[in-house]
Protein backbone atom coordinates (compact mmCIF):
# COMPACT_ATOMS: atom_id res chain seq x y z
CA MET A 1 -0.04 -0.01 -0.01
CA LYS A 2 1.35 3.36 -1.06
CA PRO A 3 1.89 5.92 1.69
CA GLU A 4 0.08 9.17 1.79
CA VAL A 5 2.71 11.96 2.16
CA LEU A 6 1.96 14.55 4.68
CA LYS A 7 3.33 17.93 5.14
CA THR A 8 5.16 19.25 8.10
CA LEU A 9 3.35 18.59 11.49
CA ARG A 10 1.96 21.75 13.16
CA GLY A 11 1.61 22.54 16.94
CA ALA A 12 -1.51 21.84 18.81
CA GLU A 13 -1.91 21.64 22.55
CA ASP A 14 -4.97 19.41 22.76
CA CYS A 15 -4.39 15.80 23.44
CA GLY A 16 -7.84 15.43 24.73
CA SER A 17 -10.70 12.75 23.66
CA GLY A 18 -12.65 12.96 20.41
CA ALA A 19 -12.72 11.19 17.23
CA ASP A 20 -9.51 9.42 16.65
CA VAL A 21 -9.15 8.77 13.03
CA MET A 22 -5.84 9.34 11.74
CA THR A 23 -5.64 11.22 8.78
CA ALA A 24 -3.41 13.43 6.96
CA GLU A 25 -4.99 16.54 8.38
CA GLN A 26 -5.17 15.16 11.79
CA VAL A 27 -1.74 14.30 12.15
CA GLU A 28 -0.57 17.44 10.21
CA SER A 29 -2.01 19.57 12.70
CA MET A 30 -0.51 18.23 15.80
CA ALA A 31 3.17 19.00 16.05
CA GLY A 32 5.28 22.24 15.43
CA THR A 33 8.65 20.81 15.23
CA ARG A 34 11.93 22.12 13.27
CA TRP A 35 12.90 18.97 11.77
CA ALA A 36 11.56 15.69 13.79
CA ALA A 37 8.71 14.42 11.55
CA GLY A 38 9.47 17.50 9.13
CA THR A 39 7.95 15.03 6.50
CA VAL A 40 5.69 12.50 7.38
CA VAL A 41 4.49 9.17 5.50
CA TYR A 42 1.14 7.52 6.66
CA TYR A 43 0.12 4.06 5.97
CA PRO A 44 -3.65 2.81 6.77
CA GLU A 45 -1.90 -0.53 7.15
CA ALA A 46 1.93 -1.69 6.82
CA ASP A 47 3.86 -4.68 7.80
CA SER A 48 6.15 -2.71 10.08
CA THR A 49 7.04 1.19 10.01
CA ASN A 50 10.73 0.12 10.45
CA VAL A 51 10.70 -1.94 7.26
CA ARG A 52 8.89 0.59 5.29
CA LEU A 53 11.13 3.52 6.55
CA ARG A 54 14.28 1.41 5.97
CA HIS A 55 13.46 1.31 2.10
CA LEU A 56 12.69 4.86 2.05
CA ALA A 57 16.10 5.47 3.83
CA GLU A 58 17.93 3.48 1.21
CA GLU A 59 16.39 5.62 -1.38
CA GLY A 60 17.86 8.81 0.37
CA ALA A 61 14.90 9.93 2.45
CA PRO A 62 15.86 12.92 4.56
CA HIS A 63 16.67 13.11 8.35
CA GLY A 64 13.62 13.56 10.52
CA LEU A 65 11.20 11.68 8.14
CA LEU A 66 8.46 10.11 10.17
CA ALA A 67 6.60 6.99 9.24
CA VAL A 68 3.06 6.44 10.76
CA ALA A 69 1.02 3.33 10.58
CA ASP A 70 -2.65 2.88 11.79
CA ARG A 71 -2.09 -0.89 11.87
CA GLN A 72 0.94 -3.36 11.49
CA THR A 73 0.93 -6.82 10.33
CA ALA A 74 4.58 -7.71 11.25
CA GLY A 75 5.60 -5.52 14.04
CA ARG A 76 8.45 -6.65 16.62
CA GLY A 77 9.98 -5.70 19.65
CA ARG A 78 13.38 -6.13 21.16
CA ARG A 79 15.09 -9.43 20.50
CA GLY A 80 12.62 -10.16 17.69
CA ARG A 81 9.48 -10.55 20.13
CA VAL A 82 6.08 -9.98 18.35
CA TRP A 83 4.49 -6.81 19.31
CA GLU A 84 0.67 -6.72 19.32
CA SER A 85 -0.50 -4.38 16.59
CA PRO A 86 -4.19 -3.73 16.38
CA GLY A 87 -5.55 -1.00 14.50
CA GLY A 88 -7.43 1.85 15.27
CA SER A 89 -6.08 2.14 19.05
CA CYS A 90 -2.25 2.23 19.14
CA ILE A 91 0.63 4.37 17.65
CA TYR A 92 3.14 2.71 15.31
CA MET A 93 5.84 5.09 14.18
CA SER A 94 9.39 4.93 13.03
CA LEU A 95 11.73 7.95 12.70
CA LEU A 96 14.61 8.43 10.48
CA LEU A 97 17.94 9.99 11.72
CA ARG A 98 21.20 10.56 9.92
CA PRO A 99 23.39 11.51 13.06
CA ASP A 100 26.94 12.54 12.21
CA ILE A 101 28.29 10.54 15.35
CA ALA A 102 30.36 7.17 15.60
CA PRO A 103 28.35 4.28 15.06
CA GLU A 104 28.93 3.08 18.66
CA LYS A 105 27.10 6.04 20.13
CA ALA A 106 23.97 5.11 18.33
CA PRO A 107 22.51 2.76 20.86
CA MET A 108 22.01 5.80 23.22
CA LEU A 109 19.58 7.29 20.76
CA THR A 110 17.17 4.51 22.13
CA LEU A 111 17.26 6.02 25.47
CA VAL A 112 16.94 9.65 24.21
CA MET A 113 13.57 8.44 22.46
CA ALA A 114 12.37 6.53 25.78
CA CYS A 115 13.00 9.58 27.62
CA SER A 116 11.17 11.74 25.04
CA ALA A 117 8.28 9.10 24.83
CA ALA A 118 7.89 9.23 28.64
CA GLU A 119 7.89 13.02 28.82
CA GLY A 120 5.37 13.23 25.72
CA LEU A 121 3.11 10.70 27.29
CA ARG A 122 3.07 12.64 30.70
CA ASP A 123 2.17 15.99 28.71
CA CYS A 124 -0.81 14.20 27.24
CA ALA A 125 -2.16 12.13 30.16
CA ASP A 126 -2.49 12.48 34.03
CA ALA A 127 -0.50 9.25 34.70
CA ASP A 128 2.79 8.15 36.57
CA ILE A 129 4.73 7.15 33.33
CA ARG A 130 8.33 6.01 33.78
CA ILE A 131 10.83 4.37 32.04
CA LYS A 132 12.09 0.74 32.77
CA TRP A 133 15.93 0.76 31.80
CA PRO A 134 16.88 1.08 28.90
CA ASN A 135 13.75 1.70 26.65
CA ASP A 136 10.48 0.43 28.06
CA VAL A 137 7.82 3.00 28.87
CA ILE A 138 5.82 1.90 32.04
CA ALA A 139 2.65 3.01 33.53
CA GLY A 140 1.32 1.21 36.73
CA GLU A 141 4.31 -1.06 36.52
CA LYS A 142 3.13 -2.58 33.11
CA LYS A 143 4.41 -1.94 29.77
CA LEU A 144 2.92 1.31 28.10
CA ALA A 145 5.20 1.74 25.11
CA GLY A 146 8.28 -0.20 23.45
CA ILE A 147 11.33 1.03 21.31
CA LEU A 148 13.26 -0.79 18.63
CA THR A 149 16.13 0.94 17.18
CA GLU A 150 18.13 -0.42 13.82
CA MET A 151 21.03 1.14 12.23
CA SER A 152 23.00 0.84 8.99
CA SER A 153 26.43 1.91 9.03
CA GLN A 154 29.93 1.41 7.68
CA THR A 155 33.16 0.97 9.76
CA ASP A 156 33.32 4.70 10.92
CA ARG A 157 30.10 6.35 10.17
CA ILE A 158 26.61 5.96 10.33
CA ASN A 159 24.26 5.77 7.11
CA HIS A 160 21.08 6.03 9.07
CA VAL A 161 19.35 5.12 12.32
CA ILE A 162 15.70 4.07 12.47
CA ILE A 163 13.78 4.57 15.78
CA GLY A 164 10.50 2.49 15.73
CA THR A 165 7.99 3.31 18.69
CA GLY A 166 4.91 1.55 19.62
CA ILE A 167 2.48 3.08 22.12
CA ASN A 168 -0.65 1.45 23.50
CA VAL A 169 -3.23 4.36 23.59
CA ASN A 170 -6.70 3.58 23.33
CA ILE A 171 -6.88 -0.29 23.98
CA LYS A 172 -9.73 -1.03 26.30
CA SER A 173 -8.69 -4.60 27.22
CA PHE A 174 -5.85 -7.11 26.46
CA PRO A 175 -5.99 -10.75 26.64
CA GLU A 176 -5.77 -12.00 30.15
CA GLU A 177 -2.09 -13.14 30.08
CA LEU A 178 -0.87 -9.93 28.08
CA GLY A 179 -2.75 -7.85 30.46
CA LYS A 180 -0.63 -9.00 33.41
CA THR A 181 2.42 -7.05 31.81
CA ALA A 182 0.71 -4.44 29.45
CA THR A 183 -1.36 -1.32 29.79
CA SER A 184 -2.79 1.67 27.80
CA LEU A 185 -3.26 5.30 28.34
CA TYR A 186 -7.08 4.42 28.43
CA LEU A 187 -6.80 1.71 31.24
CA GLU A 188 -4.47 4.04 33.05
CA THR A 189 -6.56 7.19 32.82
CA GLY A 190 -10.12 6.22 31.87
CA ARG A 191 -10.26 8.56 28.77
CA GLU A 192 -9.28 8.19 25.20
CA VAL A 193 -6.57 10.23 23.82
CA LYS A 194 -6.06 11.53 20.16
CA ARG A 195 -3.13 9.39 18.89
CA ALA A 196 -1.83 12.22 16.64
CA ALA A 197 -1.64 14.52 19.35
CA VAL A 198 0.45 12.09 21.25
CA ILE A 199 2.70 11.67 18.15
CA GLY A 200 3.20 15.33 18.14
CA ALA A 201 4.11 15.68 21.69
CA VAL A 202 6.46 12.84 21.65
CA MET A 203 8.02 14.32 18.51
CA ARG A 204 8.34 17.69 20.22
CA ARG A 205 10.21 16.24 23.18
CA PHE A 206 12.43 14.23 20.73
CA GLU A 207 13.49 17.07 19.04
CA GLU A 208 14.34 19.01 22.12
CA ASN A 209 16.38 15.83 23.68
CA TYR A 210 18.14 14.95 20.44
CA ASP A 211 19.68 18.38 20.22
CA ILE A 212 20.82 18.12 23.77
CA PHE A 213 22.22 14.63 23.08
CA MET A 214 24.41 16.00 20.08
CA GLU A 215 25.87 18.69 22.13
CA THR A 216 28.05 16.09 23.76
CA GLU A 217 27.18 12.94 21.74
CA ASP A 218 26.33 11.08 24.97
CA MET A 219 23.60 11.27 27.74
CA SER A 220 25.51 13.74 29.84
CA GLY A 221 22.86 16.60 29.08
CA LEU A 222 20.05 14.19 29.73
CA MET A 223 20.95 11.92 32.76
CA GLU A 224 19.15 13.77 35.38
CA LYS A 225 15.76 13.84 33.35
CA TYR A 226 16.15 10.27 32.33
CA GLY A 227 17.16 9.35 36.02
CA ASN A 228 14.05 11.01 37.37
CA LEU A 229 11.85 8.92 35.00
CA LEU A 230 13.78 5.79 35.84
CA ILE A 231 11.60 3.24 37.59
CA ASN A 232 14.41 0.92 38.57
CA THR A 233 16.33 3.30 40.81
CA GLY A 234 16.72 2.17 44.20
CA ARG A 235 14.91 -0.99 43.56
CA GLU A 236 16.47 -4.29 43.73
CA VAL A 237 17.07 -6.01 40.27
CA ARG A 238 18.17 -9.27 38.50
CA ILE A 239 20.57 -8.72 35.99
CA LEU A 240 20.58 -11.64 33.40
CA LYS A 241 23.41 -12.75 31.38
CA PRO A 242 23.68 -15.12 28.84
CA ASP A 243 25.35 -17.64 31.01
CA SER A 244 24.59 -16.13 34.50
CA GLN A 245 22.37 -14.17 36.69
CA TYR A 246 22.80 -12.11 39.96
CA ARG A 247 20.91 -9.59 42.09
CA ALA A 248 21.89 -6.10 42.53
CA VAL A 249 20.27 -2.66 43.55
CA ALA A 250 19.89 -0.22 40.52
CA GLY A 251 20.92 3.42 40.44
CA GLY A 252 20.85 5.96 37.72
CA ILE A 253 22.53 5.75 34.46
CA ASN A 254 26.14 6.89 33.21
CA ARG A 255 27.01 9.14 30.43
CA LYS A 256 27.09 6.24 28.07
CA GLY A 257 23.67 5.20 29.08
CA GLU A 258 24.73 2.04 31.12
CA LEU A 259 22.66 1.12 34.13
CA LEU A 260 24.73 1.28 37.29
CA VAL A 261 24.23 -1.30 39.86
CA ARG A 262 25.46 -1.92 43.28
CA ARG A 263 26.16 -5.81 43.80
CA GLU A 264 25.76 -7.54 47.21
CA ASP A 265 29.50 -7.16 48.07
CA GLY A 266 29.11 -3.20 47.49
CA ALA A 267 30.86 -3.28 44.14
CA VAL A 268 29.23 -0.77 41.65
CA GLU A 269 29.12 -2.13 37.93
CA ALA A 270 27.73 -0.68 34.77
CA VAL A 271 25.68 -2.97 32.74
CA CYS A 272 25.05 -2.54 29.07
CA ALA A 273 21.83 -3.00 27.33
CA GLY A 274 23.15 -4.86 24.58
CA GLU A 275 24.68 -7.71 26.73
CA VAL A 276 22.26 -8.14 29.64
CA SER A 277 18.42 -7.81 30.41
CA VAL A 278 17.22 -6.29 33.75
CA ARG A 279 14.16 -7.54 35.62
CA GLY A 280 12.67 -6.68 38.99
CA ALA A 281 13.57 -8.82 41.88
CA SER A 282 10.32 -10.73 41.42
CA GLY A 283 8.60 -9.96 38.25
CA TYR A 284 8.90 -7.39 35.29
CA VAL A 285 9.65 -4.22 37.06
């Protein structure tokens, strides 16, 4: 299905309830950014916005292009897990970046988006929205949004980075098993939220945070605000490695975006998201 090309998004303050049919006009009216979502492609249905955007990137699409779908048929999350992708009630979007940074710094952009998504969702909903390190957005200790970052690079330079974000917005119920770990803005607040307005809020926050990140090319300028949103801080967590696991108390992050944890012997260790998984002492959070 061919995308509908939208113009630059323009600002709107209302994230409130109302008809939520995403159209070119709806999305166009909801953000006022300089470059993030400067051009938007909209798909009523797509296999995956990351896949669609990858093709556009290879054809030379510009930095800041945003792909949005009403429904995905082949969405996936971290470590290849399937991401439930019903139509009409969620956000599926992918942002194209062409940052002039070393490839090894690109994974930190996932944390930049996590911070931005949490802030943007807080702008639109009266809910206690936080981050589970490194990039799950949480409400009520259940998953509200997930982020998947992909990169195309050469030895010393990035061709492009694609950050895919899926947000549960107006879902009113989940299957019993999924409902143990997943939630939506509707379930947290009791009201529907306009998806296009949420997209605009997240893009405005991301543009601001990305510019801060690029000043130092690390998380130095975002450590405090990310740390204030981090649900893991001060909690006992399980650090899961491929061949072992141990318990520790989580702190904040360092400038590389690594999670600082204090082991039982008092030693402080920085753990990298690409090497370990972090769970709560007795569950997901």
